[in-house]
């Protein structure tokens, strides 16, 4: 008999626990409930369906979750900033980066009062509101709230375009009030500023932002007189969170007889000006050559430095100095001009140096073939160049692959 009483008590306790965690789920529970359950687990948010709190409220915007809870003794809450990150633009696997901010008791109480004093808890999901259209683009706000017996999930698609609908005005007023009170945009901007400046980021909407922060270009470089060679280039906008805006390249051409042309260049851009149609750069170029000129072996060292501007319509110019060391030293002026034709993906470059009784120049033309988003190779460039250096003339050929 005693065992029967114990079993009965245990069954009653189990029934009570199970019943207390079972709530009636209301609202837009088709797609959105499943979606929210998945991201809720990823962000380690509270399960409102199982929560025994007196009141829970959650507001979703792209990349942000505001959560407020009230139990018998206190009101507490948090802001969770999150974003989806892929390490490379052509990769489909993504990770969710997040950071939670705990609200002070005063902040939590203030948001609780905003929720209670607005009509946001009383209006249904947009599917149940007459004349509220639906679409794919735009902003969708999601509201979750629960008490001890019920759980609601409601969504509102782009209320800013539904200003003739009274419920849309309620949503807009609520969003503005809570956003201003918690300075949500400032919090999200601060969160994004802490992220590594590489890969692609998406806050859950249609827009994806990618940092082309690191790029590696490799290829073949040859010439009629120096048929063997290679080209490599590495550029970076950021190293970690530090803005670098620099690149370095190495080109080496040679033959089987000990003659060669080594060309090393390093560039730094966005020094004083940083606009899409107006920016600046500085370039240092070192060249070492052993060339056959007039059946004699000639050794040259070449130092160039120039400062330039990238202007409107994909046009760039630069001025600098050129210093040549041989059996004698020469110091001269250096000029640079660049033009990219966006429609045909063709770029042209002209560099020239002026010395006493001597003009050196090089002209290049490249045709680029760009590949689609998920292709492992970003671009292939085919180029040809002609150079006249100290009366040594040669024709260069290049094939470069951007990874």
Protein backbone atom coordinates (compact mmCIF):
# COMPACT_ATOMS: atom_id res chain seq x y z
CA UNK A 1 0.00 0.00 0.00
CA UNK A 2 2.85 2.34 0.88
CA UNK A 3 4.52 1.60 -2.47
CA UNK A 4 1.25 2.42 -4.25
CA UNK A 5 1.11 5.81 -2.51
CA UNK A 6 4.69 6.59 -3.52
CA UNK A 7 4.05 5.65 -7.15
CA UNK A 8 0.86 7.73 -7.19
CA UNK A 9 2.69 10.78 -5.79
CA UNK A 10 5.51 10.41 -8.34
CA UNK A 11 3.03 10.14 -11.21
CA UNK A 12 1.18 13.25 -10.00
CA UNK A 13 4.45 15.19 -9.76
CA UNK A 14 5.46 14.05 -13.23
CA UNK A 15 2.06 15.01 -14.62
CA UNK A 16 2.23 18.41 -12.94
CA UNK A 17 5.74 19.11 -14.28
CA UNK A 18 4.80 18.01 -17.78
CA UNK A 19 1.59 20.02 -17.73
CA UNK A 20 3.32 23.13 -16.41
CA UNK A 21 5.78 23.05 -19.33
CA UNK A 22 3.10 22.54 -21.96
CA UNK A 23 1.73 25.77 -23.40
CA UNK A 24 -0.68 26.48 -26.16
CA UNK A 25 1.31 27.79 -29.14
CA UNK A 26 -0.40 30.58 -31.05
CA UNK A 27 0.38 32.82 -34.00
CA UNK A 28 2.46 32.19 -37.12
CA UNK A 29 3.61 28.66 -36.26
CA UNK A 30 4.16 27.18 -39.74
CA UNK A 31 7.64 28.19 -40.95
CA UNK A 32 8.66 30.86 -38.46
CA UNK A 33 8.34 28.76 -35.31
CA UNK A 34 10.71 26.10 -36.66
CA UNK A 35 13.15 28.74 -37.94
CA UNK A 36 13.18 30.60 -34.65
CA UNK A 37 13.65 27.39 -32.67
CA UNK A 38 16.84 26.66 -34.61
CA UNK A 39 18.42 30.09 -34.20
CA UNK A 40 17.22 30.18 -30.58
CA UNK A 41 19.35 27.11 -29.84
CA UNK A 42 22.34 28.54 -31.71
CA UNK A 43 22.22 31.79 -29.72
CA UNK A 44 21.45 29.94 -26.47
CA UNK A 45 18.26 31.91 -25.87
CA UNK A 46 15.56 31.00 -23.40
CA UNK A 47 12.90 28.51 -24.50
CA UNK A 48 9.68 30.45 -23.92
CA UNK A 49 7.52 27.35 -24.38
CA UNK A 50 9.19 25.64 -21.43
CA UNK A 51 9.79 28.73 -19.32
CA UNK A 52 7.88 29.02 -16.04
CA UNK A 53 8.36 32.79 -15.87
CA UNK A 54 5.37 35.04 -15.37
CA UNK A 55 6.15 36.92 -18.60
CA UNK A 56 8.66 36.63 -21.47
CA UNK A 57 9.08 38.89 -24.47
CA UNK A 58 11.45 38.73 -27.43
CA UNK A 59 11.86 41.15 -30.35
CA UNK A 60 13.79 40.13 -33.48
CA UNK A 61 15.34 42.53 -35.94
CA UNK A 62 17.98 41.63 -38.54
CA UNK A 63 21.00 40.68 -36.45
CA UNK A 64 19.54 41.63 -33.06
CA UNK A 65 17.40 40.00 -30.39
CA UNK A 66 15.97 41.93 -27.43
CA UNK A 67 14.74 39.73 -24.62
CA UNK A 68 12.80 40.73 -21.48
CA UNK A 69 11.59 38.39 -18.73
CA UNK A 70 9.65 38.88 -15.51
CA UNK A 71 9.38 36.42 -12.69
CA UNK A 72 7.89 36.88 -9.25
CA UNK A 73 10.80 38.94 -7.94
CA UNK A 74 12.53 40.82 -10.75
CA UNK A 75 12.63 42.00 -14.37
CA UNK A 76 15.73 41.26 -16.42
CA UNK A 77 16.77 41.31 -20.06
CA UNK A 78 19.48 41.30 -22.71
CA UNK A 79 20.46 42.37 -26.21
CA UNK A 80 22.01 39.67 -28.40
CA UNK A 81 23.82 40.86 -31.51
CA UNK A 82 24.52 38.19 -34.11
CA UNK A 83 25.63 37.81 -37.70
CA UNK A 84 26.23 34.98 -40.17
CA UNK A 85 29.81 34.67 -41.39
CA UNK A 86 31.39 32.70 -44.24
CA UNK A 87 35.17 32.68 -44.41
CA UNK A 88 35.27 32.86 -48.21
CA UNK A 89 32.82 34.26 -50.72
CA UNK A 90 32.64 30.97 -52.62
CA UNK A 91 31.88 28.83 -49.56
CA UNK A 92 28.35 27.87 -48.46
CA UNK A 93 29.14 26.78 -44.88
CA UNK A 94 28.57 29.61 -42.43
CA UNK A 95 29.08 30.22 -38.73
CA UNK A 96 27.02 32.40 -36.41
CA UNK A 97 28.98 35.02 -34.47
CA UNK A 98 27.22 36.62 -31.52
CA UNK A 99 27.68 38.76 -28.43
CA UNK A 100 25.20 39.20 -25.57
CA UNK A 101 24.78 42.42 -23.58
CA UNK A 102 23.02 42.16 -20.22
CA UNK A 103 20.65 45.06 -19.55
CA UNK A 104 20.71 46.86 -16.24
CA UNK A 105 17.65 46.45 -14.01
CA UNK A 106 16.53 50.00 -14.89
CA UNK A 107 16.90 49.35 -18.63
CA UNK A 108 15.02 46.06 -18.37
CA UNK A 109 12.20 47.66 -16.40
CA UNK A 110 11.95 50.51 -18.88
CA UNK A 111 11.67 48.13 -21.85
CA UNK A 112 9.13 46.04 -19.95
CA UNK A 113 6.98 49.14 -19.45
CA UNK A 114 7.29 50.07 -23.14
CA UNK A 115 6.06 46.61 -24.11
CA UNK A 116 3.16 46.68 -21.65
CA UNK A 117 2.08 50.22 -22.52
CA UNK A 118 2.14 49.66 -26.26
CA UNK A 119 -0.48 47.59 -28.05
CA UNK A 120 2.11 45.23 -29.48
CA UNK A 121 0.94 42.29 -27.34
CA UNK A 122 -2.64 42.62 -28.53
CA UNK A 123 -2.28 42.68 -32.30
CA UNK A 124 -2.13 39.39 -34.26
CA UNK A 125 0.45 38.26 -36.79
CA UNK A 126 0.30 40.01 -40.17
CA UNK A 127 -1.34 36.97 -41.81
CA UNK A 128 -4.41 37.63 -39.68
CA UNK A 129 -4.54 41.36 -40.43
CA UNK A 130 -6.77 42.38 -43.31
CA UNK A 131 -5.05 43.90 -46.37
CA UNK A 132 -1.53 43.31 -45.05
CA UNK A 133 0.50 42.11 -48.07
CA UNK A 134 3.48 39.76 -47.96
CA UNK A 135 6.76 39.67 -49.83
CA UNK A 136 10.38 38.54 -49.81
CA UNK A 137 12.31 41.81 -49.78
CA UNK A 138 12.13 44.35 -46.98
CA UNK A 139 12.30 43.97 -43.21
CA UNK A 140 10.39 41.35 -41.22
CA UNK A 141 10.04 41.98 -37.48
CA UNK A 142 9.30 38.99 -35.26
CA UNK A 143 7.66 39.20 -31.84
CA UNK A 144 7.55 36.34 -29.32
CA UNK A 145 5.90 36.51 -25.93
CA UNK A 146 4.58 34.07 -23.36
CA UNK A 147 2.92 33.78 -19.99
CA UNK A 148 2.51 30.68 -17.85
CA UNK A 149 -0.07 29.11 -20.15
CA UNK A 150 0.41 30.47 -23.68
CA UNK A 151 3.13 31.19 -26.21
CA UNK A 152 2.70 33.56 -29.18
CA UNK A 153 4.88 34.04 -32.25
CA UNK A 154 3.96 36.88 -34.61
CA UNK A 155 5.66 38.46 -37.60
CA UNK A 156 5.22 41.77 -39.42
CA UNK A 157 6.54 42.19 -42.94
CA UNK A 158 7.77 45.71 -43.82
CA UNK A 159 5.28 47.75 -41.76
CA UNK A 160 6.80 50.96 -43.15
CA UNK A 161 4.94 50.32 -46.43
CA UNK A 162 1.60 49.59 -44.69
CA UNK A 163 0.99 53.03 -43.17
CA UNK A 164 -2.73 52.85 -43.97
CA UNK A 165 -3.12 49.88 -41.62
CA UNK A 166 -3.53 50.83 -37.92
CA UNK A 167 -1.67 47.75 -36.69
CA UNK A 168 1.35 48.69 -38.82
CA UNK A 169 1.52 52.06 -37.05
CA UNK A 170 1.57 50.26 -33.70
CA UNK A 171 4.50 48.10 -34.86
CA UNK A 172 6.44 51.08 -36.24
CA UNK A 173 5.94 53.13 -33.09
CA UNK A 174 7.04 50.21 -30.95
CA UNK A 175 10.15 49.54 -33.05
CA UNK A 176 11.18 53.20 -32.94
CA UNK A 177 10.59 53.44 -29.20
CA UNK A 178 12.59 50.35 -28.29
CA UNK A 179 15.35 51.17 -30.81
CA UNK A 180 15.79 54.71 -29.51
CA UNK A 181 15.65 53.68 -25.86
CA UNK A 182 18.34 51.01 -26.21
CA UNK A 183 20.32 52.75 -29.02
CA UNK A 184 20.16 49.48 -30.92
CA UNK A 185 21.91 50.72 -34.07
CA UNK A 186 24.89 51.98 -32.08
CA UNK A 187 25.16 48.64 -30.28
CA UNK A 188 25.07 46.75 -33.57
CA UNK A 189 27.65 49.01 -35.21
CA UNK A 190 29.96 48.49 -32.22
CA UNK A 191 29.48 44.73 -32.54
CA UNK A 192 30.32 44.76 -36.26
CA UNK A 193 33.43 46.84 -35.62
CA UNK A 194 34.82 44.01 -33.48
CA UNK A 195 34.50 41.44 -36.28
CA UNK A 196 37.48 40.29 -38.38
CA UNK A 197 37.61 42.21 -41.65
CA UNK A 198 37.62 39.11 -43.84
CA UNK A 199 35.04 36.83 -45.39
CA UNK A 200 31.37 37.64 -45.94
CA UNK A 201 28.72 38.76 -43.43
CA UNK A 202 24.93 38.62 -43.51
CA UNK A 203 22.51 39.73 -40.77
CA UNK A 204 19.66 37.57 -42.03
CA UNK A 205 18.40 39.73 -44.89
CA UNK A 206 18.99 39.95 -48.63
CA UNK A 207 22.27 41.90 -48.35
CA UNK A 208 25.66 40.25 -47.94
CA UNK A 209 28.81 42.28 -47.32
CA UNK A 210 32.17 40.78 -48.27
CA UNK A 211 35.65 42.00 -47.39
CA UNK A 212 38.11 41.42 -50.21
CA UNK A 213 40.77 41.85 -47.58
CA UNK A 214 43.27 39.26 -48.76
CA UNK A 215 43.97 38.23 -52.34
CA UNK A 216 46.71 36.09 -53.83
CA UNK A 217 47.61 36.21 -57.51
CA UNK A 218 49.97 33.71 -59.13
CA UNK A 219 51.03 33.21 -62.70
CA UNK A 220 53.52 32.80 -65.52
CA UNK A 221 55.66 35.66 -66.77
CA UNK A 222 57.85 35.28 -69.84
CA UNK A 223 59.55 37.40 -72.49
CA UNK A 224 61.04 36.86 -75.93
CA UNK A 225 64.59 37.20 -74.58
CA UNK A 226 63.89 35.91 -71.05
CA UNK A 227 61.36 33.12 -71.69
CA UNK A 228 61.14 31.62 -68.20
CA UNK A 229 59.60 33.25 -65.16
CA UNK A 230 56.80 33.69 -62.68
CA UNK A 231 54.63 36.36 -61.10
CA UNK A 232 53.18 36.49 -57.57
CA UNK A 233 51.22 39.19 -55.78
CA UNK A 234 49.58 39.47 -52.38
CA UNK A 235 47.33 42.31 -51.26
CA UNK A 236 45.47 42.92 -48.02
CA UNK A 237 43.08 45.54 -46.74
CA UNK A 238 43.03 44.29 -43.15
CA UNK A 239 45.27 42.15 -40.96
CA UNK A 240 42.91 41.13 -38.17
CA UNK A 241 41.16 44.36 -37.23
CA UNK A 242 44.03 46.61 -38.34
CA UNK A 243 43.54 48.44 -41.63
CA UNK A 244 46.63 47.93 -43.80
CA UNK A 245 45.70 48.79 -47.41
CA UNK A 246 48.88 47.39 -48.93
CA UNK A 247 50.25 44.94 -51.45
CA UNK A 248 53.52 43.39 -52.60
CA UNK A 249 54.39 41.70 -55.89
CA UNK A 250 57.37 39.83 -57.30
CA UNK A 251 58.09 39.12 -60.96
CA UNK A 252 61.15 37.20 -62.13
CA UNK A 253 62.21 36.49 -65.72
CA UNK A 254 65.33 34.57 -66.76
CA UNK A 255 66.98 32.43 -69.43
CA UNK A 256 69.50 29.57 -69.44
CA UNK A 257 72.51 31.86 -69.91
CA UNK A 258 72.46 33.67 -66.56
CA UNK A 259 70.54 36.76 -67.66
CA UNK A 260 67.54 37.85 -65.62
CA UNK A 261 65.12 40.62 -64.68
CA UNK A 262 63.82 40.76 -61.09
CA UNK A 263 61.01 43.21 -60.32
CA UNK A 264 59.76 43.75 -56.75
CA UNK A 265 57.01 46.27 -55.94
CA UNK A 266 55.20 47.30 -52.77
CA UNK A 267 52.18 49.61 -52.63
CA UNK A 268 50.26 51.44 -49.92
CA UNK A 269 46.91 53.06 -50.75
CA UNK A 270 44.31 55.28 -49.05
CA UNK A 271 46.94 57.44 -47.37
CA UNK A 272 45.22 60.84 -47.34
CA UNK A 273 42.13 60.26 -49.46
CA UNK A 274 39.66 57.38 -49.26
CA UNK A 275 36.70 57.78 -51.59
CA UNK A 276 35.32 55.53 -54.29
CA UNK A 277 36.13 58.09 -56.98
CA UNK A 278 39.18 59.72 -55.39
CA UNK A 279 41.97 57.96 -53.50
CA UNK A 280 45.75 58.06 -53.37
CA UNK A 281 48.68 55.65 -53.25
CA UNK A 282 52.45 55.45 -52.95
CA UNK A 283 54.61 52.82 -54.70
CA UNK A 284 58.20 51.66 -54.27
CA UNK A 285 59.66 49.57 -57.09
CA UNK A 286 63.03 47.77 -57.08
CA UNK A 287 64.44 46.11 -60.20
CA UNK A 288 67.62 44.13 -60.67
CA UNK A 289 68.72 43.20 -64.19
CA UNK A 290 71.53 41.36 -65.87
CA UNK A 291 71.02 41.95 -69.59
CA UNK A 292 72.87 41.35 -72.82
CA UNK A 293 73.20 44.69 -74.62
CA UNK A 294 75.47 44.98 -77.69
CA UNK A 295 76.93 41.53 -76.93
CA UNK A 296 78.04 42.71 -73.51
CA UNK A 297 76.85 41.80 -70.03
CA UNK A 298 75.24 44.79 -68.27
CA UNK A 299 74.11 44.93 -64.64
CA UNK A 300 71.50 47.46 -63.51
CA UNK A 301 69.82 48.31 -60.22
CA UNK A 302 66.71 50.41 -60.45
CA UNK A 303 64.87 52.23 -57.60
CA UNK A 304 61.58 54.01 -58.31
CA UNK A 305 59.19 55.75 -55.94
CA UNK A 306 56.01 57.50 -56.96
CA UNK A 307 52.88 59.07 -55.47
CA UNK A 308 49.63 58.94 -57.38
CA UNK A 309 45.88 59.45 -57.47
CA UNK A 310 43.00 57.19 -58.51
CA UNK A 311 40.45 59.50 -60.13
CA UNK A 312 36.99 59.26 -61.66
CA UNK A 313 36.20 56.93 -64.55
CA UNK A 314 38.80 54.35 -63.47
CA UNK A 315 41.75 56.58 -64.34
CA UNK A 316 44.97 56.88 -62.33
CA UNK A 317 48.10 59.03 -62.59
CA UNK A 318 51.36 59.25 -60.66
CA UNK A 319 54.65 61.15 -60.47
CA UNK A 320 57.96 60.22 -58.87
CA UNK A 321 61.69 59.71 -59.22
CA UNK A 322 63.78 56.96 -60.80
CA UNK A 323 67.34 56.15 -59.72
CA UNK A 324 69.52 53.79 -61.79
CA UNK A 325 72.83 52.34 -60.64
CA UNK A 326 75.25 50.89 -63.17
CA UNK A 327 78.87 51.89 -63.77
CA UNK A 328 77.39 55.37 -63.33
CA UNK A 329 74.42 56.72 -61.42
CA UNK A 330 71.38 58.33 -63.02
CA UNK A 331 68.54 60.21 -61.36
CA UNK A 332 65.47 61.10 -63.36
CA UNK A 333 61.76 61.75 -63.27
CA UNK A 334 59.12 59.06 -63.41
CA UNK A 335 55.52 59.18 -64.70
CA UNK A 336 52.66 56.69 -64.49
CA UNK A 337 49.20 56.49 -66.10
CA UNK A 338 46.52 53.82 -65.79
CA UNK A 339 43.07 53.31 -67.31
CA UNK A 340 40.59 50.50 -66.76
CA UNK A 341 37.72 49.95 -69.19
CA UNK A 342 34.99 48.35 -67.09
CA UNK A 343 32.73 47.17 -69.93
CA UNK A 344 35.45 45.10 -71.58
CA UNK A 345 37.49 44.33 -68.44
CA UNK A 346 40.63 45.66 -70.10
CA UNK A 347 43.29 47.64 -68.26
CA UNK A 348 46.15 49.65 -69.76
CA UNK A 349 49.26 51.00 -68.04
CA UNK A 350 52.05 53.29 -69.22
CA UNK A 351 55.19 54.05 -67.19
CA UNK A 352 58.08 56.19 -68.37
CA UNK A 353 61.28 57.58 -66.87
CA UNK A 354 63.23 60.59 -68.14
CA UNK A 355 67.01 60.92 -67.78
CA UNK A 356 69.57 63.08 -69.50
CA UNK A 357 69.78 61.78 -73.08
CA UNK A 358 67.68 58.74 -72.19
CA UNK A 359 63.97 57.80 -72.03
CA UNK A 360 62.80 54.43 -70.69
CA UNK A 361 59.20 53.29 -70.97
CA UNK A 362 56.92 50.30 -70.60
CA UNK A 363 53.35 49.82 -71.78
CA UNK A 364 51.02 47.01 -70.67
CA UNK A 365 47.55 45.79 -71.56
CA UNK A 366 45.58 43.14 -69.64
CA UNK A 367 42.29 41.39 -70.33
CA UNK A 368 40.53 39.93 -67.28
CA UNK A 369 38.05 37.05 -67.20
CA UNK A 370 35.99 37.03 -64.00
CA UNK A 371 34.32 33.90 -62.65
CA UNK A 372 31.10 33.40 -60.74
CA UNK A 373 30.62 33.70 -56.99
CA UNK A 374 31.21 30.04 -56.00
CA UNK A 375 33.99 29.25 -58.45
CA UNK A 376 37.34 28.54 -56.69
CA UNK A 377 39.20 30.90 -59.06
CA UNK A 378 38.09 34.52 -58.97
CA UNK A 379 39.80 35.79 -62.10
CA UNK A 380 42.23 34.96 -64.90
CA UNK A 381 44.17 37.81 -66.51
CA UNK A 382 46.01 37.65 -69.83
CA UNK A 383 48.57 40.36 -70.51
CA UNK A 384 51.15 41.59 -72.95
CA UNK A 385 53.76 44.29 -72.34
CA UNK A 386 56.48 46.04 -74.33
CA UNK A 387 59.50 47.64 -72.64
CA UNK A 388 62.38 49.78 -73.82
CA UNK A 389 64.96 50.02 -71.02
CA UNK A 390 68.35 51.59 -71.74
CA UNK A 391 67.84 50.63 -75.42
CA UNK A 392 67.15 47.01 -74.40
CA UNK A 393 63.81 46.09 -75.96
CA UNK A 394 61.68 43.10 -75.03
CA UNK A 395 58.11 41.80 -75.29
CA UNK A 396 56.54 40.23 -72.17
CA UNK A 397 53.66 37.74 -71.84
CA UNK A 398 51.66 37.12 -68.65
CA UNK A 399 49.00 34.71 -67.43
CA UNK A 400 47.77 35.42 -63.89
CA UNK A 401 45.24 33.63 -61.68
CA UNK A 402 43.53 35.42 -58.78
CA UNK A 403 42.66 33.00 -55.97
